[in-house]
Amino acid sequence: MSKKVAAETEGIVVEVQSVYLQSHSDPDEPRYVFAYNVHIKNEGASTAKLVSRHWVITDARGMFEEVRGPGIVGETPELEPGQEHAYQSFCVLKTPRGTMHGSYQMVRTDGEEFDAEIPSFLLSTGQGDSKLVLN
C-alpha cells in the first residue's frame, strides 16, 4: 500500500491511498491494476456538493490520460460541514509505476463553484521504488 497523501481546498480535505492488485494484473500483457481509496471530508463552514471529476493519469513512460466525468462512481455526494464520503476505484496502467492527480468540481449551496485538489499519488508495484521521485 502506498503512503496516504492529502490536500485541502476551501475546507474540503481529500485523502488518497493506492494499492497494487497483483491478482488482477498481468505483467506479460502488460497490465498493472491499482486500486485507490479516496476519503473526502468537509471541514469548512458550508455545504458543498461534488458534481464532477478530472483525473490526470501518467505512466512511467510519461504517457498520460485525462479523465473527466460527472460525480464519482455514479454518485454526486453532498457534504455538510463535518460530513465525510469515502469510495474505492481502480486504474489500469501498462507500466509498473505511475501517478494520478486531479480535482473534484464542487458547488456550494449559494452557487459558488470551486475545484478541490486531488493530491498527486503514486501507483506502484513496489519494485524499484527507491529510485522513483514523486513530483
N, C-alpha and C. Protein backbone atom coordinates (compact mmCIF):
# COMPACT_ATOMS: atom_id res chain seq x y z
N MET A 1 0.85 -1.17 0.00
CA MET A 1 0.00 0.00 0.00
C MET A 1 0.90 1.24 0.00
N SER A 2 0.47 2.25 -0.75
CA SER A 2 1.26 3.47 -0.83
C SER A 2 1.04 4.35 0.40
N LYS A 3 1.87 5.36 0.51
CA LYS A 3 1.72 6.35 1.56
C LYS A 3 0.45 7.17 1.30
N LYS A 4 -0.30 7.45 2.36
CA LYS A 4 -1.51 8.26 2.23
C LYS A 4 -1.10 9.71 2.01
N VAL A 5 -1.75 10.37 1.04
CA VAL A 5 -1.49 11.78 0.77
C VAL A 5 -2.79 12.55 0.95
N ALA A 6 -2.67 13.84 1.24
CA ALA A 6 -3.87 14.65 1.48
C ALA A 6 -3.67 16.07 0.95
N ALA A 7 -4.79 16.70 0.60
CA ALA A 7 -4.79 18.11 0.19
C ALA A 7 -6.08 18.73 0.70
N GLU A 8 -6.02 20.04 0.99
CA GLU A 8 -7.20 20.77 1.46
C GLU A 8 -7.42 21.98 0.56
N THR A 9 -8.66 22.14 0.12
CA THR A 9 -9.06 23.29 -0.69
C THR A 9 -10.38 23.83 -0.17
N GLU A 10 -10.38 25.04 0.30
CA GLU A 10 -11.61 25.70 0.78
C GLU A 10 -12.41 24.83 1.75
N GLY A 11 -11.69 24.15 2.64
CA GLY A 11 -12.33 23.33 3.66
C GLY A 11 -12.62 21.91 3.25
N ILE A 12 -12.39 21.56 1.99
CA ILE A 12 -12.60 20.19 1.53
C ILE A 12 -11.26 19.46 1.56
N VAL A 13 -11.18 18.42 2.39
CA VAL A 13 -9.95 17.63 2.52
C VAL A 13 -10.11 16.34 1.73
N VAL A 14 -9.14 16.07 0.85
CA VAL A 14 -9.14 14.86 0.03
C VAL A 14 -7.90 14.05 0.40
N GLU A 15 -8.12 12.82 0.86
CA GLU A 15 -7.04 11.89 1.18
C GLU A 15 -7.12 10.71 0.22
N VAL A 16 -5.95 10.27 -0.26
CA VAL A 16 -5.91 9.16 -1.21
C VAL A 16 -4.78 8.20 -0.84
N GLN A 17 -5.04 6.92 -1.05
CA GLN A 17 -4.03 5.89 -0.85
C GLN A 17 -4.28 4.81 -1.90
N SER A 18 -3.20 4.30 -2.50
CA SER A 18 -3.35 3.29 -3.54
C SER A 18 -2.72 1.97 -3.12
N VAL A 19 -3.12 0.91 -3.82
CA VAL A 19 -2.56 -0.41 -3.60
C VAL A 19 -2.50 -1.15 -4.94
N TYR A 20 -1.43 -1.90 -5.14
CA TYR A 20 -1.24 -2.71 -6.34
C TYR A 20 -2.05 -3.99 -6.21
N LEU A 21 -2.82 -4.32 -7.24
CA LEU A 21 -3.63 -5.54 -7.23
C LEU A 21 -2.97 -6.59 -8.12
N GLN A 22 -2.03 -7.30 -7.54
CA GLN A 22 -1.24 -8.28 -8.28
C GLN A 22 -2.12 -9.36 -8.90
N SER A 23 -3.16 -9.79 -8.18
CA SER A 23 -4.01 -10.88 -8.67
C SER A 23 -4.83 -10.49 -9.90
N HIS A 24 -4.98 -9.20 -10.16
CA HIS A 24 -5.72 -8.73 -11.33
C HIS A 24 -4.80 -8.23 -12.44
N SER A 25 -3.50 -8.30 -12.20
CA SER A 25 -2.51 -7.78 -13.13
C SER A 25 -1.85 -8.89 -13.93
N ASP A 26 -1.30 -8.53 -15.10
CA ASP A 26 -0.56 -9.46 -15.94
C ASP A 26 0.61 -8.71 -16.57
N PRO A 27 1.79 -8.75 -15.92
CA PRO A 27 2.95 -8.02 -16.44
C PRO A 27 3.34 -8.41 -17.87
N ASP A 28 3.03 -9.64 -18.30
CA ASP A 28 3.37 -10.08 -19.65
C ASP A 28 2.51 -9.38 -20.71
N GLU A 29 1.36 -8.87 -20.31
CA GLU A 29 0.42 -8.26 -21.27
C GLU A 29 0.86 -6.91 -21.82
N PRO A 30 1.41 -5.93 -21.27
CA PRO A 30 1.50 -5.61 -19.84
C PRO A 30 0.21 -4.94 -19.33
N ARG A 31 -0.19 -5.35 -18.13
CA ARG A 31 -1.40 -4.84 -17.48
C ARG A 31 -1.17 -4.83 -15.98
N TYR A 32 -1.13 -3.61 -15.42
CA TYR A 32 -0.90 -3.41 -13.98
C TYR A 32 -2.12 -2.71 -13.40
N VAL A 33 -2.78 -3.36 -12.46
CA VAL A 33 -4.03 -2.84 -11.91
C VAL A 33 -3.78 -2.32 -10.49
N PHE A 34 -4.27 -1.12 -10.26
CA PHE A 34 -4.13 -0.46 -8.96
C PHE A 34 -5.50 -0.02 -8.47
N ALA A 35 -5.77 -0.27 -7.19
CA ALA A 35 -6.97 0.28 -6.56
C ALA A 35 -6.54 1.52 -5.79
N TYR A 36 -7.47 2.46 -5.66
CA TYR A 36 -7.17 3.63 -4.83
C TYR A 36 -8.39 3.95 -3.98
N ASN A 37 -8.11 4.27 -2.73
CA ASN A 37 -9.15 4.62 -1.75
C ASN A 37 -9.13 6.13 -1.56
N VAL A 38 -10.31 6.74 -1.66
CA VAL A 38 -10.43 8.18 -1.52
C VAL A 38 -11.35 8.49 -0.34
N HIS A 39 -10.92 9.44 0.47
CA HIS A 39 -11.71 9.88 1.62
C HIS A 39 -11.83 11.40 1.50
N ILE A 40 -13.08 11.89 1.42
CA ILE A 40 -13.35 13.31 1.26
C ILE A 40 -14.09 13.79 2.50
N LYS A 41 -13.60 14.88 3.09
CA LYS A 41 -14.24 15.41 4.29
C LYS A 41 -14.44 16.91 4.14
N ASN A 42 -15.61 17.37 4.56
CA ASN A 42 -15.90 18.81 4.55
C ASN A 42 -15.56 19.37 5.92
N GLU A 43 -14.43 20.05 6.01
CA GLU A 43 -14.03 20.71 7.26
C GLU A 43 -14.34 22.20 7.22
N GLY A 44 -15.07 22.61 6.19
CA GLY A 44 -15.44 24.01 6.04
C GLY A 44 -16.70 24.36 6.79
N ALA A 45 -17.18 25.58 6.57
CA ALA A 45 -18.35 26.09 7.28
C ALA A 45 -19.65 25.98 6.49
N SER A 46 -19.57 25.56 5.20
CA SER A 46 -20.79 25.47 4.41
C SER A 46 -20.82 24.18 3.59
N THR A 47 -22.02 23.78 3.22
CA THR A 47 -22.25 22.55 2.46
C THR A 47 -21.64 22.67 1.07
N ALA A 48 -21.09 21.56 0.57
CA ALA A 48 -20.52 21.51 -0.78
C ALA A 48 -20.91 20.18 -1.44
N LYS A 49 -21.28 20.26 -2.71
CA LYS A 49 -21.66 19.06 -3.47
C LYS A 49 -20.61 18.79 -4.53
N LEU A 50 -20.17 17.54 -4.63
CA LEU A 50 -19.24 17.12 -5.66
C LEU A 50 -20.05 16.85 -6.92
N VAL A 51 -19.79 17.59 -7.99
CA VAL A 51 -20.58 17.44 -9.21
C VAL A 51 -19.84 16.74 -10.34
N SER A 52 -18.49 16.86 -10.37
CA SER A 52 -17.74 16.17 -11.42
C SER A 52 -16.30 15.98 -10.98
N ARG A 53 -15.55 15.25 -11.82
CA ARG A 53 -14.17 14.92 -11.50
C ARG A 53 -13.29 15.14 -12.73
N HIS A 54 -12.00 15.37 -12.46
CA HIS A 54 -10.99 15.47 -13.51
C HIS A 54 -9.74 14.78 -12.99
N TRP A 55 -9.32 13.72 -13.67
CA TRP A 55 -8.13 12.97 -13.30
C TRP A 55 -7.08 13.10 -14.39
N VAL A 56 -5.81 13.15 -13.99
CA VAL A 56 -4.69 13.04 -14.90
C VAL A 56 -3.89 11.82 -14.46
N ILE A 57 -3.82 10.83 -15.34
CA ILE A 57 -3.16 9.56 -15.04
C ILE A 57 -1.91 9.47 -15.92
N THR A 58 -0.75 9.31 -15.30
CA THR A 58 0.51 9.30 -16.03
C THR A 58 1.27 8.01 -15.72
N ASP A 59 1.75 7.34 -16.79
CA ASP A 59 2.50 6.11 -16.56
C ASP A 59 4.01 6.43 -16.50
N ALA A 60 4.82 5.40 -16.30
CA ALA A 60 6.26 5.58 -16.11
C ALA A 60 6.97 6.06 -17.38
N ARG A 61 6.32 5.95 -18.53
CA ARG A 61 6.90 6.43 -19.79
C ARG A 61 6.53 7.88 -20.08
N GLY A 62 5.73 8.47 -19.17
CA GLY A 62 5.30 9.85 -19.37
C GLY A 62 4.03 9.98 -20.20
N MET A 63 3.47 8.86 -20.61
CA MET A 63 2.20 8.88 -21.34
C MET A 63 1.10 9.21 -20.34
N PHE A 64 0.20 10.14 -20.73
CA PHE A 64 -0.86 10.48 -19.78
C PHE A 64 -2.22 10.45 -20.43
N GLU A 65 -3.21 10.29 -19.59
CA GLU A 65 -4.62 10.24 -19.99
C GLU A 65 -5.39 11.14 -19.05
N GLU A 66 -6.29 11.94 -19.59
CA GLU A 66 -7.17 12.76 -18.77
C GLU A 66 -8.56 12.14 -18.79
N VAL A 67 -9.16 12.08 -17.62
CA VAL A 67 -10.50 11.52 -17.48
C VAL A 67 -11.38 12.57 -16.82
N ARG A 68 -12.48 12.89 -17.46
CA ARG A 68 -13.45 13.84 -16.92
C ARG A 68 -14.83 13.18 -16.94
N GLY A 69 -15.63 13.51 -15.93
CA GLY A 69 -16.97 12.95 -15.92
C GLY A 69 -17.77 13.42 -14.72
N PRO A 70 -19.06 13.14 -14.76
CA PRO A 70 -19.92 13.53 -13.65
C PRO A 70 -19.69 12.67 -12.41
N GLY A 71 -19.73 13.29 -11.25
CA GLY A 71 -19.68 12.58 -9.98
C GLY A 71 -18.50 11.64 -9.81
N ILE A 72 -18.68 10.72 -8.87
CA ILE A 72 -17.68 9.68 -8.58
C ILE A 72 -18.41 8.37 -8.40
N VAL A 73 -17.96 7.35 -9.11
CA VAL A 73 -18.57 6.02 -9.07
C VAL A 73 -20.11 6.09 -9.02
N GLY A 74 -20.68 6.92 -9.89
CA GLY A 74 -22.13 7.03 -10.00
C GLY A 74 -22.81 7.89 -8.95
N GLU A 75 -22.05 8.59 -8.13
CA GLU A 75 -22.63 9.40 -7.06
C GLU A 75 -22.18 10.85 -7.17
N THR A 76 -23.00 11.75 -6.64
CA THR A 76 -22.63 13.16 -6.50
C THR A 76 -22.90 13.56 -5.05
N PRO A 77 -22.00 13.16 -4.16
CA PRO A 77 -22.25 13.37 -2.73
C PRO A 77 -22.29 14.85 -2.34
N GLU A 78 -23.24 15.16 -1.48
CA GLU A 78 -23.35 16.50 -0.90
C GLU A 78 -22.90 16.39 0.55
N LEU A 79 -21.87 17.18 0.88
CA LEU A 79 -21.27 17.08 2.20
C LEU A 79 -21.56 18.33 3.02
N GLU A 80 -22.29 18.15 4.09
CA GLU A 80 -22.50 19.24 5.04
C GLU A 80 -21.24 19.38 5.88
N PRO A 81 -21.05 20.51 6.55
CA PRO A 81 -19.87 20.66 7.41
C PRO A 81 -19.73 19.48 8.37
N GLY A 82 -18.53 18.90 8.40
CA GLY A 82 -18.27 17.76 9.27
C GLY A 82 -18.55 16.41 8.63
N GLN A 83 -19.25 16.37 7.50
CA GLN A 83 -19.56 15.09 6.86
C GLN A 83 -18.40 14.60 6.01
N GLU A 84 -18.41 13.27 5.80
CA GLU A 84 -17.35 12.60 5.05
C GLU A 84 -17.96 11.67 4.01
N HIS A 85 -17.17 11.38 2.99
CA HIS A 85 -17.57 10.40 1.97
C HIS A 85 -16.32 9.64 1.55
N ALA A 86 -16.43 8.33 1.43
CA ALA A 86 -15.30 7.50 1.02
C ALA A 86 -15.74 6.58 -0.11
N TYR A 87 -14.80 6.30 -1.02
CA TYR A 87 -15.08 5.35 -2.08
C TYR A 87 -13.77 4.73 -2.56
N GLN A 88 -13.91 3.66 -3.34
CA GLN A 88 -12.75 2.99 -3.92
C GLN A 88 -12.98 2.84 -5.41
N SER A 89 -11.92 3.01 -6.17
CA SER A 89 -11.97 2.79 -7.61
C SER A 89 -10.66 2.15 -8.04
N PHE A 90 -10.43 2.05 -9.35
CA PHE A 90 -9.21 1.41 -9.80
C PHE A 90 -8.70 2.05 -11.09
N CYS A 91 -7.47 1.73 -11.42
CA CYS A 91 -6.80 2.26 -12.60
C CYS A 91 -5.93 1.15 -13.19
N VAL A 92 -5.85 1.11 -14.52
CA VAL A 92 -5.01 0.12 -15.20
C VAL A 92 -3.91 0.87 -15.97
N LEU A 93 -2.66 0.46 -15.74
CA LEU A 93 -1.52 1.04 -16.45
C LEU A 93 -0.81 -0.05 -17.26
N LYS A 94 -0.01 0.39 -18.24
CA LYS A 94 0.83 -0.54 -19.00
C LYS A 94 2.25 -0.59 -18.45
N THR A 95 2.52 0.19 -17.40
CA THR A 95 3.83 0.20 -16.75
C THR A 95 3.65 -0.11 -15.27
N PRO A 96 4.70 -0.59 -14.58
CA PRO A 96 4.57 -0.95 -13.16
C PRO A 96 4.50 0.24 -12.21
N ARG A 97 4.67 1.47 -12.74
CA ARG A 97 4.59 2.66 -11.90
C ARG A 97 3.93 3.79 -12.66
N GLY A 98 3.34 4.68 -11.90
CA GLY A 98 2.75 5.88 -12.47
C GLY A 98 2.24 6.77 -11.36
N THR A 99 1.52 7.82 -11.76
CA THR A 99 0.93 8.73 -10.78
C THR A 99 -0.47 9.12 -11.24
N MET A 100 -1.24 9.60 -10.29
CA MET A 100 -2.55 10.18 -10.57
C MET A 100 -2.69 11.45 -9.76
N HIS A 101 -3.40 12.42 -10.29
CA HIS A 101 -3.79 13.62 -9.56
C HIS A 101 -4.97 14.24 -10.30
N GLY A 102 -5.56 15.25 -9.69
CA GLY A 102 -6.69 15.88 -10.36
C GLY A 102 -7.46 16.81 -9.46
N SER A 103 -8.76 16.89 -9.73
CA SER A 103 -9.62 17.76 -8.93
C SER A 103 -11.06 17.29 -9.00
N TYR A 104 -11.79 17.65 -7.96
CA TYR A 104 -13.25 17.47 -7.94
C TYR A 104 -13.87 18.84 -8.11
N GLN A 105 -14.84 18.95 -9.00
CA GLN A 105 -15.54 20.21 -9.19
C GLN A 105 -16.70 20.22 -8.20
N MET A 106 -16.66 21.22 -7.32
CA MET A 106 -17.60 21.32 -6.21
C MET A 106 -18.49 22.55 -6.39
N VAL A 107 -19.68 22.51 -5.81
CA VAL A 107 -20.56 23.68 -5.80
C VAL A 107 -21.20 23.81 -4.43
N ARG A 108 -21.20 25.00 -3.90
CA ARG A 108 -21.81 25.28 -2.60
C ARG A 108 -23.29 25.58 -2.79
N THR A 109 -24.04 25.56 -1.71
CA THR A 109 -25.49 25.81 -1.79
C THR A 109 -25.81 27.21 -2.28
N ASP A 110 -24.86 28.16 -2.14
CA ASP A 110 -25.09 29.52 -2.66
C ASP A 110 -24.68 29.66 -4.12
N GLY A 111 -24.26 28.54 -4.76
CA GLY A 111 -23.90 28.54 -6.17
C GLY A 111 -22.41 28.72 -6.44
N GLU A 112 -21.61 29.03 -5.42
CA GLU A 112 -20.17 29.20 -5.62
C GLU A 112 -19.56 27.87 -6.08
N GLU A 113 -18.77 27.94 -7.15
CA GLU A 113 -18.09 26.76 -7.67
C GLU A 113 -16.60 26.85 -7.38
N PHE A 114 -15.98 25.70 -7.11
CA PHE A 114 -14.53 25.66 -6.92
C PHE A 114 -14.03 24.25 -7.20
N ASP A 115 -12.73 24.15 -7.44
CA ASP A 115 -12.08 22.86 -7.67
C ASP A 115 -11.34 22.44 -6.41
N ALA A 116 -11.69 21.27 -5.89
CA ALA A 116 -10.99 20.70 -4.74
C ALA A 116 -9.86 19.81 -5.26
N GLU A 117 -8.64 20.11 -4.82
CA GLU A 117 -7.47 19.38 -5.31
C GLU A 117 -7.47 17.93 -4.87
N ILE A 118 -7.15 17.04 -5.82
CA ILE A 118 -6.83 15.65 -5.51
C ILE A 118 -5.31 15.58 -5.59
N PRO A 119 -4.62 15.34 -4.47
CA PRO A 119 -3.15 15.39 -4.50
C PRO A 119 -2.56 14.28 -5.36
N SER A 120 -1.37 14.53 -5.88
CA SER A 120 -0.67 13.53 -6.67
C SER A 120 -0.31 12.34 -5.77
N PHE A 121 -0.59 11.14 -6.28
CA PHE A 121 -0.24 9.94 -5.52
C PHE A 121 0.37 8.90 -6.45
N LEU A 122 1.15 8.04 -5.85
CA LEU A 122 1.93 7.03 -6.56
C LEU A 122 1.11 5.77 -6.79
N LEU A 123 1.25 5.24 -8.00
CA LEU A 123 0.75 3.90 -8.35
C LEU A 123 2.00 3.07 -8.58
N SER A 124 2.20 2.03 -7.80
CA SER A 124 3.45 1.28 -7.90
C SER A 124 3.28 -0.17 -7.49
N THR A 125 4.01 -1.04 -8.20
CA THR A 125 4.04 -2.46 -7.83
C THR A 125 4.93 -2.66 -6.61
N GLY A 126 5.73 -1.63 -6.25
CA GLY A 126 6.61 -1.72 -5.10
C GLY A 126 8.01 -2.17 -5.44
N GLN A 127 8.27 -2.48 -6.72
CA GLN A 127 9.59 -2.93 -7.12
C GLN A 127 10.36 -1.76 -7.72
N GLY A 128 11.52 -1.46 -7.19
CA GLY A 128 12.38 -0.40 -7.72
C GLY A 128 11.95 1.00 -7.34
N ASP A 129 11.12 1.14 -6.32
CA ASP A 129 10.61 2.47 -5.94
C ASP A 129 11.66 3.36 -5.31
N SER A 130 12.76 2.83 -4.83
CA SER A 130 13.74 3.67 -4.17
C SER A 130 14.35 4.69 -5.13
N LYS A 131 14.26 4.43 -6.44
CA LYS A 131 14.80 5.33 -7.45
C LYS A 131 13.75 6.27 -8.01
N LEU A 132 12.50 6.10 -7.62
CA LEU A 132 11.40 6.89 -8.17
C LEU A 132 11.15 8.13 -7.32
N VAL A 133 11.02 9.26 -7.98
CA VAL A 133 10.72 10.51 -7.29
C VAL A 133 9.33 10.95 -7.70
N LEU A 134 8.47 11.19 -6.72
CA LEU A 134 7.10 11.63 -6.97
C LEU A 134 7.06 13.15 -6.91
N ASN A 135 6.62 13.78 -7.98
CA ASN A 135 6.51 15.25 -8.00
C ASN A 135 5.17 15.70 -7.51
